[in-house]
Amino acid sequence: NTGDILLIGKNKKSMQQAFREVKKMNGGIVIVEDEQIICSVQLPIGGVLSNKPVEDLIEEELVLKRELAARGFKHGDAIYTLLFLQATHLPYVRITQKGIFDVMKKQVLFPALMR
């Protein structure tokens, strides 16, 4: 909702690669593992919408869900998960520009950049 790019990961190099790919696509979702792009969903309209036929987009989302599940993601809808992770009007832990933020305690648990 903020237009920010959300990077989630452990490997800084892979996160940088995902960032570059998202910028190149003008928005979207990218999974990078071992410096390889595993899958991507291009969302060039405002970084959140696609201009592809819905049938093509459905196929891309199925690939995204399959690849996330293969990596341990157990929730149903990755796109809504990404949206809600940033929603500070909801309680509990959220991701903000400042870092991992506990909404109930109004405190940063982990800063955005940890060295």
N, C-alpha and C. Protein backbone atom coordinates (compact mmCIF):
# COMPACT_ATOMS: atom_id res chain seq x y z
N ASN A 1 0.81 -1.21 0.00
CA ASN A 1 0.00 0.00 0.00
C ASN A 1 0.84 1.26 0.00
N THR A 2 2.07 1.17 0.50
CA THR A 2 2.92 2.35 0.59
C THR A 2 3.72 2.57 -0.68
N GLY A 3 3.80 1.58 -1.53
CA GLY A 3 4.64 1.67 -2.72
C GLY A 3 6.07 1.26 -2.44
N ASP A 4 6.34 0.87 -1.21
CA ASP A 4 7.68 0.41 -0.86
C ASP A 4 7.92 -0.98 -1.42
N ILE A 5 9.19 -1.29 -1.63
CA ILE A 5 9.57 -2.64 -2.03
C ILE A 5 9.87 -3.41 -0.75
N LEU A 6 9.25 -4.55 -0.60
CA LEU A 6 9.42 -5.38 0.58
C LEU A 6 10.36 -6.53 0.22
N LEU A 7 11.48 -6.62 0.92
CA LEU A 7 12.45 -7.69 0.70
C LEU A 7 12.48 -8.56 1.94
N ILE A 8 12.26 -9.85 1.75
CA ILE A 8 12.29 -10.79 2.87
C ILE A 8 13.29 -11.88 2.52
N GLY A 9 14.25 -12.09 3.40
CA GLY A 9 15.23 -13.13 3.11
C GLY A 9 16.36 -13.13 4.09
N LYS A 10 17.29 -14.04 3.86
CA LYS A 10 18.47 -14.18 4.71
C LYS A 10 19.75 -13.85 3.95
N ASN A 11 19.72 -13.99 2.63
CA ASN A 11 20.90 -13.80 1.83
C ASN A 11 20.87 -12.42 1.16
N LYS A 12 21.77 -11.55 1.57
CA LYS A 12 21.78 -10.17 1.08
C LYS A 12 21.94 -10.11 -0.44
N LYS A 13 22.79 -10.96 -0.98
CA LYS A 13 23.03 -10.98 -2.43
C LYS A 13 21.76 -11.36 -3.19
N SER A 14 21.05 -12.37 -2.71
CA SER A 14 19.80 -12.79 -3.35
C SER A 14 18.73 -11.71 -3.23
N MET A 15 18.70 -11.03 -2.08
CA MET A 15 17.73 -9.96 -1.89
C MET A 15 18.02 -8.80 -2.83
N GLN A 16 19.29 -8.48 -3.04
CA GLN A 16 19.66 -7.43 -3.98
C GLN A 16 19.28 -7.82 -5.41
N GLN A 17 19.47 -9.09 -5.74
CA GLN A 17 19.10 -9.58 -7.06
C GLN A 17 17.59 -9.49 -7.26
N ALA A 18 16.83 -9.87 -6.24
CA ALA A 18 15.37 -9.77 -6.32
C ALA A 18 14.95 -8.31 -6.48
N PHE A 19 15.60 -7.42 -5.74
CA PHE A 19 15.30 -5.99 -5.84
C PHE A 19 15.52 -5.48 -7.27
N ARG A 20 16.66 -5.83 -7.86
CA ARG A 20 16.95 -5.39 -9.23
C ARG A 20 15.92 -5.94 -10.22
N GLU A 21 15.50 -7.18 -10.03
CA GLU A 21 14.52 -7.79 -10.93
C GLU A 21 13.15 -7.12 -10.80
N VAL A 22 12.73 -6.82 -9.57
CA VAL A 22 11.46 -6.13 -9.35
C VAL A 22 11.49 -4.75 -10.01
N LYS A 23 12.61 -4.05 -9.86
CA LYS A 23 12.74 -2.73 -10.50
C LYS A 23 12.67 -2.86 -12.02
N LYS A 24 13.35 -3.87 -12.56
CA LYS A 24 13.37 -4.08 -14.01
C LYS A 24 11.95 -4.36 -14.54
N MET A 25 11.14 -5.08 -13.75
CA MET A 25 9.77 -5.42 -14.15
C MET A 25 8.78 -4.29 -13.86
N ASN A 26 9.24 -3.22 -13.21
CA ASN A 26 8.37 -2.12 -12.78
C ASN A 26 7.34 -2.58 -11.75
N GLY A 27 7.73 -3.53 -10.93
CA GLY A 27 6.87 -4.01 -9.86
C GLY A 27 6.54 -5.48 -10.01
N GLY A 28 6.34 -6.13 -8.89
CA GLY A 28 5.97 -7.53 -8.93
C GLY A 28 6.51 -8.30 -7.74
N ILE A 29 6.55 -9.61 -7.92
CA ILE A 29 7.02 -10.52 -6.88
C ILE A 29 8.07 -11.43 -7.51
N VAL A 30 9.18 -11.60 -6.81
CA VAL A 30 10.29 -12.41 -7.33
C VAL A 30 10.80 -13.32 -6.22
N ILE A 31 11.06 -14.56 -6.57
CA ILE A 31 11.73 -15.49 -5.65
C ILE A 31 13.11 -15.77 -6.24
N VAL A 32 14.15 -15.53 -5.42
CA VAL A 32 15.52 -15.82 -5.82
C VAL A 32 16.10 -16.80 -4.81
N GLU A 33 16.76 -17.83 -5.32
CA GLU A 33 17.42 -18.81 -4.46
C GLU A 33 18.73 -19.22 -5.11
N ASP A 34 19.81 -19.22 -4.34
CA ASP A 34 21.13 -19.56 -4.86
C ASP A 34 21.47 -18.75 -6.11
N GLU A 35 21.13 -17.46 -6.05
CA GLU A 35 21.42 -16.52 -7.12
C GLU A 35 20.72 -16.85 -8.44
N GLN A 36 19.65 -17.63 -8.36
CA GLN A 36 18.84 -17.96 -9.53
C GLN A 36 17.42 -17.46 -9.31
N ILE A 37 16.84 -16.85 -10.34
CA ILE A 37 15.45 -16.43 -10.24
C ILE A 37 14.59 -17.68 -10.42
N ILE A 38 13.86 -18.03 -9.38
CA ILE A 38 13.03 -19.23 -9.37
C ILE A 38 11.70 -18.95 -10.06
N CYS A 39 11.08 -17.84 -9.73
CA CYS A 39 9.85 -17.44 -10.39
C CYS A 39 9.62 -15.96 -10.17
N SER A 40 8.77 -15.40 -11.02
CA SER A 40 8.44 -13.99 -10.88
C SER A 40 7.03 -13.75 -11.42
N VAL A 41 6.39 -12.77 -10.83
CA VAL A 41 5.07 -12.32 -11.28
C VAL A 41 5.20 -10.82 -11.52
N GLN A 42 5.10 -10.42 -12.77
CA GLN A 42 5.25 -9.02 -13.14
C GLN A 42 3.95 -8.27 -12.85
N LEU A 43 4.06 -7.16 -12.10
CA LEU A 43 2.91 -6.32 -11.76
C LEU A 43 3.27 -4.86 -12.07
N PRO A 44 3.28 -4.50 -13.35
CA PRO A 44 3.81 -3.20 -13.75
C PRO A 44 2.88 -2.00 -13.53
N ILE A 45 1.63 -2.23 -13.27
CA ILE A 45 0.70 -1.11 -13.06
C ILE A 45 0.71 -0.74 -11.59
N GLY A 46 1.45 0.32 -11.29
CA GLY A 46 1.58 0.77 -9.91
C GLY A 46 2.31 -0.22 -9.02
N GLY A 47 2.94 -1.22 -9.61
CA GLY A 47 3.65 -2.22 -8.83
C GLY A 47 2.75 -3.25 -8.18
N VAL A 48 1.43 -3.18 -8.45
CA VAL A 48 0.50 -4.10 -7.79
C VAL A 48 -0.52 -4.75 -8.72
N LEU A 49 -0.58 -4.29 -9.98
CA LEU A 49 -1.55 -4.84 -10.92
C LEU A 49 -0.85 -5.32 -12.19
N SER A 50 -1.47 -6.30 -12.84
CA SER A 50 -0.93 -6.85 -14.08
C SER A 50 -1.74 -6.37 -15.27
N ASN A 51 -1.09 -6.30 -16.41
CA ASN A 51 -1.78 -5.99 -17.65
C ASN A 51 -1.93 -7.22 -18.54
N LYS A 52 -1.64 -8.40 -17.98
CA LYS A 52 -1.75 -9.65 -18.73
C LYS A 52 -3.18 -10.19 -18.65
N PRO A 53 -3.54 -11.06 -19.58
CA PRO A 53 -4.84 -11.73 -19.47
C PRO A 53 -4.91 -12.52 -18.16
N VAL A 54 -6.07 -12.54 -17.56
CA VAL A 54 -6.24 -13.18 -16.25
C VAL A 54 -5.82 -14.65 -16.28
N GLU A 55 -6.02 -15.32 -17.41
CA GLU A 55 -5.62 -16.74 -17.51
C GLU A 55 -4.11 -16.89 -17.33
N ASP A 56 -3.34 -15.97 -17.92
CA ASP A 56 -1.89 -16.02 -17.77
C ASP A 56 -1.47 -15.72 -16.34
N LEU A 57 -2.12 -14.76 -15.75
CA LEU A 57 -1.82 -14.37 -14.38
C LEU A 57 -2.13 -15.50 -13.40
N ILE A 58 -3.21 -16.21 -13.64
CA ILE A 58 -3.55 -17.36 -12.79
C ILE A 58 -2.44 -18.40 -12.83
N GLU A 59 -1.92 -18.67 -14.02
CA GLU A 59 -0.82 -19.64 -14.16
C GLU A 59 0.42 -19.18 -13.39
N GLU A 60 0.75 -17.90 -13.52
CA GLU A 60 1.91 -17.37 -12.80
C GLU A 60 1.73 -17.46 -11.29
N GLU A 61 0.52 -17.18 -10.82
CA GLU A 61 0.26 -17.27 -9.38
C GLU A 61 0.36 -18.72 -8.89
N LEU A 62 -0.10 -19.66 -9.68
CA LEU A 62 0.02 -21.07 -9.31
C LEU A 62 1.48 -21.49 -9.18
N VAL A 63 2.32 -21.02 -10.09
CA VAL A 63 3.75 -21.31 -10.01
C VAL A 63 4.33 -20.68 -8.74
N LEU A 64 3.97 -19.42 -8.48
CA LEU A 64 4.43 -18.73 -7.27
C LEU A 64 4.04 -19.52 -6.02
N LYS A 65 2.78 -19.93 -5.93
CA LYS A 65 2.32 -20.69 -4.76
C LYS A 65 3.06 -22.01 -4.63
N ARG A 66 3.27 -22.70 -5.73
CA ARG A 66 3.98 -23.98 -5.70
C ARG A 66 5.42 -23.80 -5.22
N GLU A 67 6.10 -22.78 -5.74
CA GLU A 67 7.49 -22.54 -5.36
C GLU A 67 7.60 -22.11 -3.90
N LEU A 68 6.67 -21.30 -3.43
CA LEU A 68 6.67 -20.90 -2.02
C LEU A 68 6.40 -22.11 -1.12
N ALA A 69 5.45 -22.94 -1.50
CA ALA A 69 5.13 -24.14 -0.70
C ALA A 69 6.35 -25.07 -0.63
N ALA A 70 7.06 -25.19 -1.73
CA ALA A 70 8.26 -26.04 -1.75
C ALA A 70 9.34 -25.51 -0.81
N ARG A 71 9.24 -24.23 -0.45
CA ARG A 71 10.21 -23.62 0.45
C ARG A 71 9.65 -23.40 1.85
N GLY A 72 8.51 -24.05 2.14
CA GLY A 72 7.98 -24.04 3.50
C GLY A 72 6.86 -23.06 3.79
N PHE A 73 6.42 -22.29 2.80
CA PHE A 73 5.32 -21.35 3.03
C PHE A 73 4.03 -22.15 3.17
N LYS A 74 3.37 -22.03 4.32
CA LYS A 74 2.21 -22.87 4.63
C LYS A 74 0.87 -22.15 4.50
N HIS A 75 0.90 -20.86 4.19
CA HIS A 75 -0.33 -20.08 4.14
C HIS A 75 -0.91 -20.11 2.73
N GLY A 76 -2.19 -19.80 2.62
CA GLY A 76 -2.87 -19.94 1.35
C GLY A 76 -2.57 -18.89 0.31
N ASP A 77 -2.50 -17.64 0.68
CA ASP A 77 -2.40 -16.59 -0.32
C ASP A 77 -1.21 -15.69 -0.04
N ALA A 78 -0.16 -15.89 -0.79
CA ALA A 78 1.09 -15.14 -0.58
C ALA A 78 0.90 -13.64 -0.83
N ILE A 79 0.11 -13.28 -1.81
CA ILE A 79 -0.05 -11.87 -2.15
C ILE A 79 -0.73 -11.12 -1.00
N TYR A 80 -1.78 -11.68 -0.43
CA TYR A 80 -2.42 -11.04 0.72
C TYR A 80 -1.52 -11.06 1.94
N THR A 81 -0.74 -12.11 2.10
CA THR A 81 0.20 -12.15 3.21
C THR A 81 1.17 -10.99 3.12
N LEU A 82 1.69 -10.72 1.92
CA LEU A 82 2.61 -9.60 1.74
C LEU A 82 1.93 -8.26 2.06
N LEU A 83 0.68 -8.12 1.64
CA LEU A 83 -0.05 -6.89 1.94
C LEU A 83 -0.28 -6.72 3.44
N PHE A 84 -0.72 -7.78 4.09
CA PHE A 84 -1.05 -7.69 5.51
C PHE A 84 0.19 -7.56 6.40
N LEU A 85 1.34 -8.07 5.94
CA LEU A 85 2.57 -7.92 6.72
C LEU A 85 2.92 -6.45 6.94
N GLN A 86 2.47 -5.59 6.05
CA GLN A 86 2.79 -4.17 6.13
C GLN A 86 1.68 -3.34 6.79
N ALA A 87 0.55 -3.96 7.08
CA ALA A 87 -0.64 -3.23 7.53
C ALA A 87 -0.57 -2.91 9.03
N THR A 88 -0.05 -1.74 9.36
CA THR A 88 0.13 -1.38 10.77
C THR A 88 -1.17 -1.02 11.48
N HIS A 89 -2.27 -1.00 10.75
CA HIS A 89 -3.56 -0.80 11.43
C HIS A 89 -4.06 -2.12 12.03
N LEU A 90 -3.36 -3.22 11.71
CA LEU A 90 -3.67 -4.52 12.30
C LEU A 90 -2.73 -4.77 13.48
N PRO A 91 -3.16 -5.54 14.46
CA PRO A 91 -2.31 -5.78 15.63
C PRO A 91 -1.17 -6.75 15.35
N TYR A 92 -0.30 -6.86 16.33
CA TYR A 92 0.81 -7.79 16.38
C TYR A 92 1.99 -7.32 15.54
N VAL A 93 2.77 -8.22 15.01
CA VAL A 93 4.03 -7.88 14.36
C VAL A 93 3.82 -7.56 12.88
N ARG A 94 4.41 -6.45 12.43
CA ARG A 94 4.29 -6.00 11.04
C ARG A 94 5.66 -5.56 10.53
N ILE A 95 5.79 -5.49 9.22
CA ILE A 95 7.02 -5.02 8.59
C ILE A 95 6.81 -3.57 8.15
N THR A 96 7.69 -2.69 8.62
CA THR A 96 7.60 -1.27 8.27
C THR A 96 8.95 -0.80 7.72
N GLN A 97 9.02 0.47 7.32
CA GLN A 97 10.28 1.03 6.86
C GLN A 97 11.33 1.03 7.97
N LYS A 98 10.88 1.08 9.21
CA LYS A 98 11.81 1.08 10.34
C LYS A 98 12.31 -0.32 10.67
N GLY A 99 11.59 -1.35 10.26
CA GLY A 99 11.97 -2.72 10.54
C GLY A 99 10.77 -3.53 11.00
N ILE A 100 11.05 -4.63 11.69
CA ILE A 100 9.99 -5.47 12.25
C ILE A 100 9.42 -4.73 13.45
N PHE A 101 8.13 -4.46 13.41
CA PHE A 101 7.50 -3.57 14.38
C PHE A 101 6.39 -4.27 15.12
N ASP A 102 6.40 -4.19 16.45
CA ASP A 102 5.34 -4.72 17.29
C ASP A 102 4.30 -3.62 17.47
N VAL A 103 3.16 -3.75 16.81
CA VAL A 103 2.12 -2.72 16.82
C VAL A 103 1.56 -2.52 18.22
N MET A 104 1.34 -3.61 18.93
CA MET A 104 0.74 -3.52 20.26
C MET A 104 1.64 -2.79 21.26
N LYS A 105 2.95 -3.03 21.19
CA LYS A 105 3.90 -2.39 22.10
C LYS A 105 4.49 -1.11 21.53
N LYS A 106 4.19 -0.84 20.26
CA LYS A 106 4.71 0.35 19.57
C LYS A 106 6.24 0.43 19.65
N GLN A 107 6.88 -0.69 19.31
CA GLN A 107 8.34 -0.69 19.34
C GLN A 107 8.92 -1.53 18.20
N VAL A 108 10.10 -1.11 17.74
CA VAL A 108 10.81 -1.84 16.69
C VAL A 108 11.50 -3.03 17.35
N LEU A 109 11.23 -4.23 16.86
CA LEU A 109 11.85 -5.42 17.39
C LEU A 109 13.20 -5.68 16.74
N PHE A 110 13.26 -5.48 15.41
CA PHE A 110 14.49 -5.65 14.65
C PHE A 110 14.56 -4.50 13.64
N PRO A 111 15.65 -3.77 13.59
CA PRO A 111 15.74 -2.68 12.63
C PRO A 111 15.72 -3.18 11.19
N ALA A 112 15.37 -2.29 10.27
CA ALA A 112 15.25 -2.66 8.85
C ALA A 112 16.54 -3.24 8.29
N LEU A 113 17.66 -2.68 8.68
CA LEU A 113 18.94 -3.19 8.23
C LEU A 113 19.74 -3.63 9.44
N MET A 114 20.03 -4.92 9.47
CA MET A 114 20.86 -5.46 10.56
C MET A 114 22.19 -5.86 9.96
N ARG A 115 23.24 -5.52 10.61
CA ARG A 115 24.58 -5.84 10.08
C ARG A 115 25.18 -6.99 10.83
